[in-house]
């Protein structure tokens, strides 16, 4: 049944006038088909570029947050360095842990250096 329908259809298409009509329609609509394909392609390209833009925006926000965290950590470290490097604190650590003291006058030895000209 399907084969007979196909054969009848084929005979109609093989008719020269019908074939010419179909090719004429295809040639006239070719520009429209090309435009349709271009519009669909452009739509998908816009969707893809928008997706990429949103991903990059998200990445920029994450990087900005990380920069803020690192800046805060830097400030804390600078404060810690300045606290650890205070002169009084260093003096206390030297005296208590290393047993160092300020030398007395008897402990100081003066050396004279002769310059040769």
PDB file of N, CA and C in Angstrom:
ATOM      1  N   UNK A   1       0.831  -1.185   0.000  1.00  0.00           N
ATOM      2  CA  UNK A   1       0.000   0.000   0.000  1.00  0.00           C
ATOM      3  C   UNK A   1       0.879   1.254   0.000  1.00  0.00           C
ATOM      4  N   UNK A   2       1.879   1.270   0.897  1.00  0.00           N
ATOM      5  CA  UNK A   2       2.787   2.407   0.970  1.00  0.00           C
ATOM      6  C   UNK A   2       3.608   2.528  -0.305  1.00  0.00           C
ATOM      7  N   UNK A   3       3.988   1.385  -0.863  1.00  0.00           N
ATOM      8  CA  UNK A   3       4.783   1.394  -2.089  1.00  0.00           C
ATOM      9  C   UNK A   3       3.986   1.971  -3.254  1.00  0.00           C
ATOM     10  N   UNK A   4       2.709   1.622  -3.348  1.00  0.00           N
ATOM     11  CA  UNK A   4       1.901   2.153  -4.448  1.00  0.00           C
ATOM     12  C   UNK A   4       1.705   3.655  -4.297  1.00  0.00           C
ATOM     13  N   UNK A   5       1.538   4.119  -3.072  1.00  0.00           N
ATOM     14  CA  UNK A   5       1.394   5.563  -2.850  1.00  0.00           C
ATOM     15  C   UNK A   5       2.681   6.277  -3.269  1.00  0.00           C
ATOM     16  N   UNK A   6       3.825   5.700  -2.892  1.00  0.00           N
ATOM     17  CA  UNK A   6       5.103   6.286  -3.245  1.00  0.00           C
ATOM     18  C   UNK A   6       5.299   6.328  -4.764  1.00  0.00           C
ATOM     19  N   UNK A   7       4.904   5.248  -5.439  1.00  0.00           N
ATOM     20  CA  UNK A   7       5.056   5.214  -6.903  1.00  0.00           C
ATOM     21  C   UNK A   7       4.170   6.259  -7.573  1.00  0.00           C
ATOM     22  N   UNK A   8       2.936   6.396  -7.089  1.00  0.00           N
ATOM     23  CA  UNK A   8       2.065   7.434  -7.655  1.00  0.00           C
ATOM     24  C   UNK A   8       2.664   8.818  -7.437  1.00  0.00           C
ATOM     25  N   UNK A   9       3.184   9.028  -6.258  1.00  0.00           N
ATOM     26  CA  UNK A   9       3.798  10.317  -5.937  1.00  0.00           C
ATOM     27  C   UNK A   9       5.014  10.564  -6.830  1.00  0.00           C
ATOM     28  N   UNK A  10       5.823   9.540  -7.029  1.00  0.00           N
ATOM     29  CA  UNK A  10       7.026   9.657  -7.855  1.00  0.00           C
ATOM     30  C   UNK A  10       6.673  10.000  -9.285  1.00  0.00           C
ATOM     31  N   UNK A  11       5.594   9.409  -9.807  1.00  0.00           N
ATOM     32  CA  UNK A  11       5.171   9.705 -11.179  1.00  0.00           C
ATOM     33  C   UNK A  11       4.773  11.161 -11.306  1.00  0.00           C
ATOM     34  N   UNK A  12       4.117  11.682 -10.272  1.00  0.00           N
ATOM     35  CA  UNK A  12       3.721  13.090 -10.323  1.00  0.00           C
ATOM     36  C   UNK A  12       4.938  14.005 -10.283  1.00  0.00           C
ATOM     37  N   UNK A  13       5.896  13.650  -9.421  1.00  0.00           N
ATOM     38  CA  UNK A  13       7.097  14.476  -9.312  1.00  0.00           C
ATOM     39  C   UNK A  13       7.917  14.388 -10.590  1.00  0.00           C
ATOM     40  N   UNK A  14       7.927  13.209 -11.201  1.00  0.00           N
ATOM     41  CA  UNK A  14       8.709  13.066 -12.413  1.00  0.00           C
ATOM     42  C   UNK A  14       8.094  13.829 -13.588  1.00  0.00           C
ATOM     43  N   UNK A  15       6.882  14.246 -13.444  1.00  0.00           N
ATOM     44  CA  UNK A  15       6.263  15.079 -14.466  1.00  0.00           C
ATOM     45  C   UNK A  15       7.108  16.344 -14.611  1.00  0.00           C
ATOM     46  N   UNK A  16       7.471  16.679 -15.849  1.00  0.00           N
ATOM     47  CA  UNK A  16       8.394  17.780 -16.129  1.00  0.00           C
ATOM     48  C   UNK A  16       7.878  19.115 -15.593  1.00  0.00           C
ATOM     49  N   UNK A  17       6.632  19.408 -15.750  1.00  0.00           N
ATOM     50  CA  UNK A  17       6.078  20.692 -15.319  1.00  0.00           C
ATOM     51  C   UNK A  17       6.110  20.810 -13.801  1.00  0.00           C
ATOM     52  N   UNK A  18       5.760  19.715 -13.129  1.00  0.00           N
ATOM     53  CA  UNK A  18       5.765  19.730 -11.667  1.00  0.00           C
ATOM     54  C   UNK A  18       7.192  19.881 -11.143  1.00  0.00           C
ATOM     55  N   UNK A  19       8.130  19.161 -11.751  1.00  0.00           N
ATOM     56  CA  UNK A  19       9.526  19.266 -11.355  1.00  0.00           C
ATOM     57  C   UNK A  19      10.037  20.695 -11.531  1.00  0.00           C
ATOM     58  N   UNK A  20       9.692  21.298 -12.656  1.00  0.00           N
ATOM     59  CA  UNK A  20      10.106  22.683 -12.902  1.00  0.00           C
ATOM     60  C   UNK A  20       9.487  23.627 -11.882  1.00  0.00           C
ATOM     61  N   UNK A  21       8.253  23.375 -11.511  1.00  0.00           N
ATOM     62  CA  UNK A  21       7.580  24.219 -10.510  1.00  0.00           C
ATOM     63  C   UNK A  21       8.268  24.113  -9.143  1.00  0.00           C
ATOM     64  N   UNK A  22       8.644  22.891  -8.776  1.00  0.00           N
ATOM     65  CA  UNK A  22       9.317  22.688  -7.486  1.00  0.00           C
ATOM     66  C   UNK A  22      10.678  23.367  -7.474  1.00  0.00           C
ATOM     67  N   UNK A  23      11.450  23.194  -8.535  1.00  0.00           N
ATOM     68  CA  UNK A  23      12.770  23.834  -8.580  1.00  0.00           C
ATOM     69  C   UNK A  23      12.645  25.350  -8.608  1.00  0.00           C
ATOM     70  N   UNK A  24      11.627  25.856  -9.242  1.00  0.00           N
ATOM     71  CA  UNK A  24      11.407  27.307  -9.272  1.00  0.00           C
ATOM     72  C   UNK A  24      11.091  27.810  -7.856  1.00  0.00           C
ATOM     73  N   UNK A  25      10.251  27.074  -7.136  1.00  0.00           N
ATOM     74  CA  UNK A  25       9.931  27.465  -5.762  1.00  0.00           C
ATOM     75  C   UNK A  25      11.169  27.433  -4.870  1.00  0.00           C
ATOM     76  N   UNK A  26      11.995  26.414  -5.060  1.00  0.00           N
ATOM     77  CA  UNK A  26      13.217  26.306  -4.248  1.00  0.00           C
ATOM     78  C   UNK A  26      14.159  27.459  -4.546  1.00  0.00           C
ATOM     79  N   UNK A  27      14.336  27.785  -5.814  1.00  0.00           N
ATOM     80  CA  UNK A  27      15.223  28.897  -6.176  1.00  0.00           C
ATOM     81  C   UNK A  27      14.699  30.218  -5.642  1.00  0.00           C
ATOM     82  N   UNK A  28      13.404  30.436  -5.720  1.00  0.00           N
ATOM     83  CA  UNK A  28      12.844  31.698  -5.239  1.00  0.00           C
ATOM     84  C   UNK A  28      12.906  31.794  -3.711  1.00  0.00           C
ATOM     85  N   UNK A  29      12.766  30.675  -3.032  1.00  0.00           N
ATOM     86  CA  UNK A  29      12.782  30.689  -1.575  1.00  0.00           C
ATOM     87  C   UNK A  29      14.148  30.450  -0.977  1.00  0.00           C
ATOM     88  N   UNK A  30      15.153  30.266  -1.815  1.00  0.00           N
ATOM     89  CA  UNK A  30      16.500  29.972  -1.327  1.00  0.00           C
ATOM     90  C   UNK A  30      17.014  31.065  -0.404  1.00  0.00           C
ATOM     91  N   UNK A  31      16.821  32.312  -0.780  1.00  0.00           N
ATOM     92  CA  UNK A  31      17.278  33.438   0.031  1.00  0.00           C
ATOM     93  C   UNK A  31      16.563  33.434   1.381  1.00  0.00           C
ATOM     94  N   UNK A  32      15.275  33.121   1.371  1.00  0.00           N
ATOM     95  CA  UNK A  32      14.517  33.065   2.620  1.00  0.00           C
ATOM     96  C   UNK A  32      15.032  31.947   3.523  1.00  0.00           C
ATOM     97  N   UNK A  33      15.366  30.797   2.937  1.00  0.00           N
ATOM     98  CA  UNK A  33      15.900  29.695   3.735  1.00  0.00           C
ATOM     99  C   UNK A  33      17.259  30.056   4.327  1.00  0.00           C
ATOM    100  N   UNK A  34      18.077  30.711   3.531  1.00  0.00           N
ATOM    101  CA  UNK A  34      19.380  31.143   4.029  1.00  0.00           C
ATOM    102  C   UNK A  34      19.202  32.132   5.173  1.00  0.00           C
ATOM    103  N   UNK A  35      18.282  33.073   5.022  1.00  0.00           N
ATOM    104  CA  UNK A  35      18.026  34.038   6.094  1.00  0.00           C
ATOM    105  C   UNK A  35      17.528  33.342   7.353  1.00  0.00           C
ATOM    106  N   UNK A  36      16.662  32.358   7.186  1.00  0.00           N
ATOM    107  CA  UNK A  36      16.142  31.616   8.332  1.00  0.00           C
ATOM    108  C   UNK A  36      17.278  30.899   9.071  1.00  0.00           C
ATOM    109  N   UNK A  37      18.158  30.256   8.323  1.00  0.00           N
ATOM    110  CA  UNK A  37      19.288  29.562   8.939  1.00  0.00           C
ATOM    111  C   UNK A  37      20.191  30.563   9.653  1.00  0.00           C
ATOM    112  N   UNK A  38      20.431  31.702   9.050  1.00  0.00           N
ATOM    113  CA  UNK A  38      21.273  32.719   9.665  1.00  0.00           C
ATOM    114  C   UNK A  38      20.651  33.273  10.946  1.00  0.00           C
ATOM    115  N   UNK A  39      19.340  33.482  10.936  1.00  0.00           N
ATOM    116  CA  UNK A  39      18.649  33.992  12.127  1.00  0.00           C
ATOM    117  C   UNK A  39      18.738  32.979  13.265  1.00  0.00           C
ATOM    118  N   UNK A  40      18.527  31.705  12.959  1.00  0.00           N
ATOM    119  CA  UNK A  40      18.614  30.668  13.989  1.00  0.00           C
ATOM    120  C   UNK A  40      20.043  30.574  14.522  1.00  0.00           C
ATOM    121  N   UNK A  41      21.014  30.593  13.622  1.00  0.00           N
ATOM    122  CA  UNK A  41      22.413  30.544  14.035  1.00  0.00           C
ATOM    123  C   UNK A  41      22.754  31.744  14.922  1.00  0.00           C
ATOM    124  N   UNK A  42      22.312  32.932  14.539  1.00  0.00           N
ATOM    125  CA  UNK A  42      22.573  34.138  15.318  1.00  0.00           C
ATOM    126  C   UNK A  42      21.923  34.047  16.695  1.00  0.00           C
ATOM    127  N   UNK A  43      20.716  33.503  16.759  1.00  0.00           N
ATOM    128  CA  UNK A  43      20.036  33.362  18.050  1.00  0.00           C
ATOM    129  C   UNK A  43      20.842  32.460  18.981  1.00  0.00           C
ATOM    130  N   UNK A  44      21.325  31.331  18.462  1.00  0.00           N
ATOM    131  CA  UNK A  44      22.124  30.446  19.295  1.00  0.00           C
ATOM    132  C   UNK A  44      23.452  31.085  19.680  1.00  0.00           C
ATOM    133  N   UNK A  45      24.028  31.854  18.777  1.00  0.00           N
ATOM    134  CA  UNK A  45      25.288  32.543  19.090  1.00  0.00           C
ATOM    135  C   UNK A  45      25.077  33.564  20.207  1.00  0.00           C
ATOM    136  N   UNK A  46      23.969  34.279  20.167  1.00  0.00           N
ATOM    137  CA  UNK A  46      23.670  35.262  21.212  1.00  0.00           C
ATOM    138  C   UNK A  46      23.479  34.563  22.555  1.00  0.00           C
ATOM    139  N   UNK A  47      22.771  33.449  22.548  1.00  0.00           N
ATOM    140  CA  UNK A  47      22.563  32.692  23.781  1.00  0.00           C
ATOM    141  C   UNK A  47      23.907  32.230  24.349  1.00  0.00           C
ATOM    142  N   UNK A  48      24.768  31.733  23.490  1.00  0.00           N
ATOM    143  CA  UNK A  48      26.072  31.229  23.939  1.00  0.00           C
ATOM    144  C   UNK A  48      26.941  32.354  24.495  1.00  0.00           C
ATOM    145  N   UNK A  49      26.981  33.482  23.800  1.00  0.00           N
ATOM    146  CA  UNK A  49      27.807  34.607  24.254  1.00  0.00           C
ATOM    147  C   UNK A  49      27.259  35.165  25.571  1.00  0.00           C
ATOM    148  N   UNK A  50      25.954  35.218  25.718  1.00  0.00           N
ATOM    149  CA  UNK A  50      25.354  35.670  26.968  1.00  0.00           C
ATOM    150  C   UNK A  50      25.745  34.733  28.112  1.00  0.00           C
ATOM    151  N   UNK A  51      25.728  33.445  27.833  1.00  0.00           N
ATOM    152  CA  UNK A  51      26.139  32.454  28.836  1.00  0.00           C
ATOM    153  C   UNK A  51      27.596  32.666  29.248  1.00  0.00           C
ATOM    154  N   UNK A  52      28.468  32.872  28.265  1.00  0.00           N
ATOM    155  CA  UNK A  52      29.878  33.127  28.566  1.00  0.00           C
ATOM    156  C   UNK A  52      30.050  34.400  29.394  1.00  0.00           C
ATOM    157  N   UNK A  53      29.304  35.430  29.033  1.00  0.00           N
ATOM    158  CA  UNK A  53      29.379  36.697  29.779  1.00  0.00           C
ATOM    159  C   UNK A  53      28.955  36.534  31.222  1.00  0.00           C
ATOM    160  N   UNK A  54      27.897  35.775  31.453  1.00  0.00           N
ATOM    161  CA  UNK A  54      27.444  35.545  32.826  1.00  0.00           C
ATOM    162  C   UNK A  54      28.470  34.738  33.609  1.00  0.00           C
ATOM    163  N   UNK A  55      29.082  33.750  32.975  1.00  0.00           N
ATOM    164  CA  UNK A  55      30.121  32.972  33.656  1.00  0.00           C
ATOM    165  C   UNK A  55      31.304  33.853  34.026  1.00  0.00           C
ATOM    166  N   UNK A  56      31.714  34.725  33.107  1.00  0.00           N
ATOM    167  CA  UNK A  56      32.839  35.620  33.391  1.00  0.00           C
ATOM    168  C   UNK A  56      32.501  36.614  34.494  1.00  0.00           C
ATOM    169  N   UNK A  57      31.259  37.114  34.503  1.00  0.00           N
ATOM    170  CA  UNK A  57      30.836  38.027  35.560  1.00  0.00           C
ATOM    171  C   UNK A  57      30.882  37.327  36.914  1.00  0.00           C
ATOM    172  N   UNK A  58      30.428  36.095  36.952  1.00  0.00           N
ATOM    173  CA  UNK A  58      30.477  35.313  38.193  1.00  0.00           C
ATOM    174  C   UNK A  58      31.921  35.104  38.644  1.00  0.00           C
ATOM    175  N   UNK A  59      32.800  34.810  37.707  1.00  0.00           N
ATOM    176  CA  UNK A  59      34.208  34.614  38.033  1.00  0.00           C
ATOM    177  C   UNK A  59      34.843  35.906  38.544  1.00  0.00           C
ATOM    178  N   UNK A  60      34.471  37.033  37.959  1.00  0.00           N
ATOM    179  CA  UNK A  60      34.998  38.329  38.414  1.00  0.00           C
ATOM    180  C   UNK A  60      34.545  38.602  39.841  1.00  0.00           C
ATOM    181  N   UNK A  61      33.279  38.307  40.156  1.00  0.00           N
ATOM    182  CA  UNK A  61      32.783  38.531  41.517  1.00  0.00           C
ATOM    183  C   UNK A  61      33.516  37.641  42.517  1.00  0.00           C
ATOM    184  N   UNK A  62      33.757  36.378  42.153  1.00  0.00           N
ATOM    185  CA  UNK A  62      34.484  35.478  43.045  1.00  0.00           C
ATOM    186  C   UNK A  62      35.904  35.989  43.272  1.00  0.00           C
ATOM    187  N   UNK A  63      36.542  36.458  42.202  1.00  0.00           N
ATOM    188  CA  UNK A  63      37.903  36.983  42.315  1.00  0.00           C
ATOM    189  C   UNK A  63      37.931  38.242  43.167  1.00  0.00           C
ATOM    190  N   UNK A  64      36.927  39.097  43.009  1.00  0.00           N
ATOM    191  CA  UNK A  64      36.844  40.311  43.830  1.00  0.00           C
ATOM    192  C   UNK A  64      36.703  39.962  45.301  1.00  0.00           C
ATOM    193  N   UNK A  65      35.862  38.975  45.595  1.00  0.00           N
ATOM    194  CA  UNK A  65      35.702  38.541  46.981  1.00  0.00           C
ATOM    195  C   UNK A  65      37.030  38.018  47.532  1.00  0.00           C
ATOM    196  N   UNK A  66      37.738  37.247  46.732  1.00  0.00           N
ATOM    197  CA  UNK A  66      39.032  36.690  47.161  1.00  0.00           C
ATOM    198  C   UNK A  66      40.047  37.815  47.397  1.00  0.00           C
ATOM    199  N   UNK A  67      40.033  38.846  46.536  1.00  0.00           N
ATOM    200  CA  UNK A  67      40.933  39.992  46.709  1.00  0.00           C
ATOM    201  C   UNK A  67      40.628  40.679  48.039  1.00  0.00           C
ATOM    202  N   UNK A  68      39.346  40.835  48.365  1.00  0.00           N
ATOM    203  CA  UNK A  68      38.968  41.438  49.649  1.00  0.00           C
ATOM    204  C   UNK A  68      39.457  40.622  50.827  1.00  0.00           C
ATOM    205  N   UNK A  69      39.313  39.301  50.734  1.00  0.00           N
ATOM    206  CA  UNK A  69      39.791  38.427  51.812  1.00  0.00           C
ATOM    207  C   UNK A  69      41.303  38.544  51.978  1.00  0.00           C
ATOM    208  N   UNK A  70      42.022  38.535  50.854  1.00  0.00           N
ATOM    209  CA  UNK A  70      43.481  38.637  50.921  1.00  0.00           C
ATOM    210  C   UNK A  70      43.924  39.992  51.464  1.00  0.00           C
ATOM    211  N   UNK A  71      43.202  41.056  51.128  1.00  0.00           N
ATOM    212  CA  UNK A  71      43.534  42.382  51.637  1.00  0.00           C
ATOM    213  C   UNK A  71      43.350  42.432  53.150  1.00  0.00           C
ATOM    214  N   UNK A  72      42.263  41.837  53.630  1.00  0.00           N
ATOM    215  CA  UNK A  72      42.029  41.787  55.072  1.00  0.00           C
ATOM    216  C   UNK A  72      43.129  40.989  55.768  1.00  0.00           C
ATOM    217  N   UNK A  73      43.497  39.849  55.187  1.00  0.00           N
ATOM    218  CA  UNK A  73      44.560  39.037  55.764  1.00  0.00           C
ATOM    219  C   UNK A  73      45.888  39.799  55.780  1.00  0.00           C
ATOM    220  N   UNK A  74      46.164  40.556  54.729  1.00  0.00           N
ATOM    221  CA  UNK A  74      47.402  41.347  54.671  1.00  0.00           C
ATOM    222  C   UNK A  74      47.433  42.375  55.794  1.00  0.00           C
ATOM    223  N   UNK A  75      46.290  43.054  56.010  1.00  0.00           N
ATOM    224  CA  UNK A  75      46.245  44.051  57.082  1.00  0.00           C
ATOM    225  C   UNK A  75      46.507  43.403  58.445  1.00  0.00           C
ATOM    226  N   UNK A  76      45.933  42.226  58.656  1.00  0.00           N
ATOM    227  CA  UNK A  76      46.154  41.523  59.919  1.00  0.00           C
ATOM    228  C   UNK A  76      47.631  41.140  60.078  1.00  0.00           C
ATOM    229  N   UNK A  77      48.230  40.673  59.000  1.00  0.00           N
ATOM    230  CA  UNK A  77      49.647  40.287  59.069  1.00  0.00           C
ATOM    231  C   UNK A  77      50.559  41.483  59.304  1.00  0.00           C
ATOM    232  N   UNK A  78      50.253  42.614  58.673  1.00  0.00           N
ATOM    233  CA  UNK A  78      51.059  43.822  58.898  1.00  0.00           C
ATOM    234  C   UNK A  78      50.948  44.257  60.352  1.00  0.00           C
ATOM    235  N   UNK A  79      49.749  44.186  60.902  1.00  0.00           N
ATOM    236  CA  UNK A  79      49.563  44.536  62.310  1.00  0.00           C
ATOM    237  C   UNK A  79      50.329  43.575  63.213  1.00  0.00           C
ATOM    238  N   UNK A  80      50.303  42.296  62.885  1.00  0.00           N
ATOM    239  CA  UNK A  80      51.032  41.303  63.679  1.00  0.00           C
ATOM    240  C   UNK A  80      52.540  41.530  63.592  1.00  0.00           C
ATOM    241  N   UNK A  81      53.030  41.853  62.399  1.00  0.00           N
ATOM    242  CA  UNK A  81      54.465  42.129  62.232  1.00  0.00           C
ATOM    243  C   UNK A  81      54.873  43.338  63.054  1.00  0.00           C
ATOM    244  N   UNK A  82      54.069  44.381  63.019  1.00  0.00           N
ATOM    245  CA  UNK A  82      54.432  45.580  63.779  1.00  0.00           C
ATOM    246  C   UNK A  82      54.385  45.307  65.280  1.00  0.00           C
ATOM    247  N   UNK A  83      53.447  44.464  65.710  1.00  0.00           N
ATOM    248  CA  UNK A  83      53.368  44.109  67.127  1.00  0.00           C
ATOM    249  C   UNK A  83      54.577  43.281  67.544  1.00  0.00           C
ATOM    250  N   UNK A  84      54.959  42.314  66.723  1.00  0.00           N
ATOM    251  CA  UNK A  84      56.096  41.457  67.059  1.00  0.00           C
ATOM    252  C   UNK A  84      57.421  42.199  66.999  1.00  0.00           C
ATOM    253  N   UNK A  85      57.496  43.241  66.230  1.00  0.00           N
ATOM    254  CA  UNK A  85      58.754  43.952  66.055  1.00  0.00           C
ATOM    255  C   UNK A  85      58.945  45.143  66.978  1.00  0.00           C
ATOM    256  N   UNK A  86      58.048  45.362  67.925  1.00  0.00           N
ATOM    257  CA  UNK A  86      58.205  46.501  68.830  1.00  0.00           C
ATOM    258  C   UNK A  86      59.466  46.333  69.666  1.00  0.00           C
ATOM    259  N   UNK A  87      60.149  47.442  69.934  1.00  0.00           N
ATOM    260  CA  UNK A  87      61.433  47.410  70.631  1.00  0.00           C
ATOM    261  C   UNK A  87      61.284  46.860  72.044  1.00  0.00           C
ATOM    262  N   UNK A  88      60.282  47.282  72.781  1.00  0.00           N
ATOM    263  CA  UNK A  88      60.100  46.826  74.165  1.00  0.00           C
ATOM    264  C   UNK A  88      59.872  45.319  74.206  1.00  0.00           C
ATOM    265  N   UNK A  89      59.088  44.819  73.295  1.00  0.00           N
ATOM    266  CA  UNK A  89      58.792  43.388  73.274  1.00  0.00           C
ATOM    267  C   UNK A  89      60.061  42.594  72.964  1.00  0.00           C
ATOM    268  N   UNK A  90      60.838  43.089  72.012  1.00  0.00           N
ATOM    269  CA  UNK A  90      62.093  42.418  71.669  1.00  0.00           C
ATOM    270  C   UNK A  90      63.028  42.413  72.866  1.00  0.00           C
ATOM    271  N   UNK A  91      63.099  43.526  73.562  1.00  0.00           N
ATOM    272  CA  UNK A  91      63.959  43.613  74.749  1.00  0.00           C
ATOM    273  C   UNK A  91      63.530  42.635  75.827  1.00  0.00           C
ATOM    274  N   UNK A  92      62.241  42.516  76.064  1.00  0.00           N
ATOM    275  CA  UNK A  92      61.751  41.580  77.074  1.00  0.00           C
ATOM    276  C   UNK A  92      62.058  40.140  76.692  1.00  0.00           C
ATOM    277  N   UNK A  93      61.893  39.781  75.434  1.00  0.00           N
ATOM    278  CA  UNK A  93      62.173  38.419  74.981  1.00  0.00           C
ATOM    279  C   UNK A  93      63.661  38.115  75.113  1.00  0.00           C
ATOM    280  N   UNK A  94      64.499  39.077  74.767  1.00  0.00           N
ATOM    281  CA  UNK A  94      65.954  38.887  74.857  1.00  0.00           C
ATOM    282  C   UNK A  94      66.368  38.670  76.307  1.00  0.00           C
ATOM    283  N   UNK A  95      65.803  39.434  77.219  1.00  0.00           N
ATOM    284  CA  UNK A  95      66.179  39.305  78.630  1.00  0.00           C
ATOM    285  C   UNK A  95      65.625  38.010  79.233  1.00  0.00           C
ATOM    286  N   UNK A  96      64.361  37.676  78.942  1.00  0.00           N
ATOM    287  CA  UNK A  96      63.751  36.523  79.610  1.00  0.00           C
ATOM    288  C   UNK A  96      64.165  35.189  78.986  1.00  0.00           C
ATOM    289  N   UNK A  97      64.166  35.084  77.686  1.00  0.00           N
ATOM    290  CA  UNK A  97      64.421  33.791  77.045  1.00  0.00           C
ATOM    291  C   UNK A  97      65.901  33.540  76.779  1.00  0.00           C
ATOM    292  N   UNK A  98      66.647  34.581  76.431  1.00  0.00           N
ATOM    293  CA  UNK A  98      68.053  34.397  76.076  1.00  0.00           C
ATOM    294  C   UNK A  98      69.010  34.762  77.212  1.00  0.00           C
ATOM    295  N   UNK A  99      68.457  35.371  78.254  1.00  0.00           N
ATOM    296  CA  UNK A  99      69.293  35.733  79.401  1.00  0.00           C
ATOM    297  C   UNK A  99      70.266  36.853  79.095  1.00  0.00           C
ATOM    298  N   UNK A 100      69.997  37.653  78.119  1.00  0.00           N
ATOM    299  CA  UNK A 100      70.882  38.760  77.769  1.00  0.00           C
ATOM    300  C   UNK A 100      70.565  39.957  78.664  1.00  0.00           C
ATOM    301  N   UNK A 101      71.573  40.816  78.860  1.00  0.00           N
ATOM    302  CA  UNK A 101      71.381  42.016  79.665  1.00  0.00           C
ATOM    303  C   UNK A 101      72.191  43.142  79.058  1.00  0.00           C
ATOM    304  N   UNK A 102      71.938  44.335  79.503  1.00  0.00           N
ATOM    305  CA  UNK A 102      72.713  45.492  79.060  1.00  0.00           C
ATOM    306  C   UNK A 102      74.066  45.410  79.760  1.00  0.00           C
ATOM    307  N   UNK A 103      75.181  45.497  79.017  1.00  0.00           N
ATOM    308  CA  UNK A 103      76.495  45.334  79.653  1.00  0.00           C
ATOM    309  C   UNK A 103      76.827  46.502  80.593  1.00  0.00           C
ATOM    310  N   UNK A 104      77.556  46.178  81.649  1.00  0.00           N
ATOM    311  CA  UNK A 104      78.011  47.232  82.570  1.00  0.00           C
ATOM    312  C   UNK A 104      79.257  47.887  81.966  1.00  0.00           C
ATOM    313  N   UNK A 105      79.713  48.966  82.608  1.00  0.00           N
ATOM    314  CA  UNK A 105      80.886  49.683  82.098  1.00  0.00           C
ATOM    315  C   UNK A 105      82.131  48.812  82.130  1.00  0.00           C
ATOM    316  N   UNK A 106      82.235  47.884  83.090  1.00  0.00           N
ATOM    317  CA  UNK A 106      83.402  47.015  83.188  1.00  0.00           C
ATOM    318  C   UNK A 106      83.418  45.998  82.046  1.00  0.00           C
ATOM    319  N   UNK A 107      82.251  45.649  81.551  1.00  0.00           N
ATOM    320  CA  UNK A 107      82.161  44.647  80.485  1.00  0.00           C
ATOM    321  C   UNK A 107      82.446  45.232  79.096  1.00  0.00           C
ATOM    322  N   UNK A 108      82.439  46.543  78.983  1.00  0.00           N
ATOM    323  CA  UNK A 108      82.622  47.195  77.678  1.00  0.00           C
ATOM    324  C   UNK A 108      84.112  47.364  77.420  1.00  0.00           C
ATOM    325  N   UNK A 109      84.580  46.926  76.273  1.00  0.00           N
ATOM    326  CA  UNK A 109      85.976  47.050  75.874  1.00  0.00           C
ATOM    327  C   UNK A 109      86.027  47.984  74.676  1.00  0.00           C
ATOM    328  N   UNK A 110      86.845  49.006  74.775  1.00  0.00           N
ATOM    329  CA  UNK A 110      86.988  49.974  73.689  1.00  0.00           C
ATOM    330  C   UNK A 110      88.223  49.605  72.879  1.00  0.00           C
ATOM    331  N   UNK A 111      88.099  49.560  71.602  1.00  0.00           N
ATOM    332  CA  UNK A 111      89.205  49.249  70.690  1.00  0.00           C
ATOM    333  C   UNK A 111      89.521  50.503  69.881  1.00  0.00           C
ATOM    334  N   UNK A 112      90.807  50.763  69.747  1.00  0.00           N
ATOM    335  CA  UNK A 112      91.218  51.883  68.915  1.00  0.00           C
ATOM    336  C   UNK A 112      91.672  51.331  67.589  1.00  0.00           C
ATOM    337  N   UNK A 113      91.197  51.902  66.536  1.00  0.00           N
ATOM    338  CA  UNK A 113      91.539  51.459  65.180  1.00  0.00           C
ATOM    339  C   UNK A 113      92.434  52.497  64.561  1.00  0.00           C
ATOM    340  N   UNK A 114      93.571  52.032  64.069  1.00  0.00           N
ATOM    341  CA  UNK A 114      94.495  52.949  63.409  1.00  0.00           C
ATOM    342  C   UNK A 114      94.232  52.876  61.901  1.00  0.00           C
ATOM    343  N   UNK A 115      94.136  54.051  61.322  1.00  0.00           N
ATOM    344  CA  UNK A 115      93.938  54.130  59.875  1.00  0.00           C
ATOM    345  C   UNK A 115      95.291  54.306  59.197  1.00  0.00           C
ATOM    346  N   UNK A 116      95.557  53.482  58.219  1.00  0.00           N
ATOM    347  CA  UNK A 116      96.794  53.646  57.469  1.00  0.00           C
ATOM    348  C   UNK A 116      96.503  54.468  56.218  1.00  0.00           C
ATOM    349  N   UNK A 117      97.267  55.517  56.045  1.00  0.00           N
ATOM    350  CA  UNK A 117      97.066  56.371  54.874  1.00  0.00           C
ATOM    351  C   UNK A 117      98.022  56.070  53.806  1.00  0.00           C
TER     352      UNK A 117
END
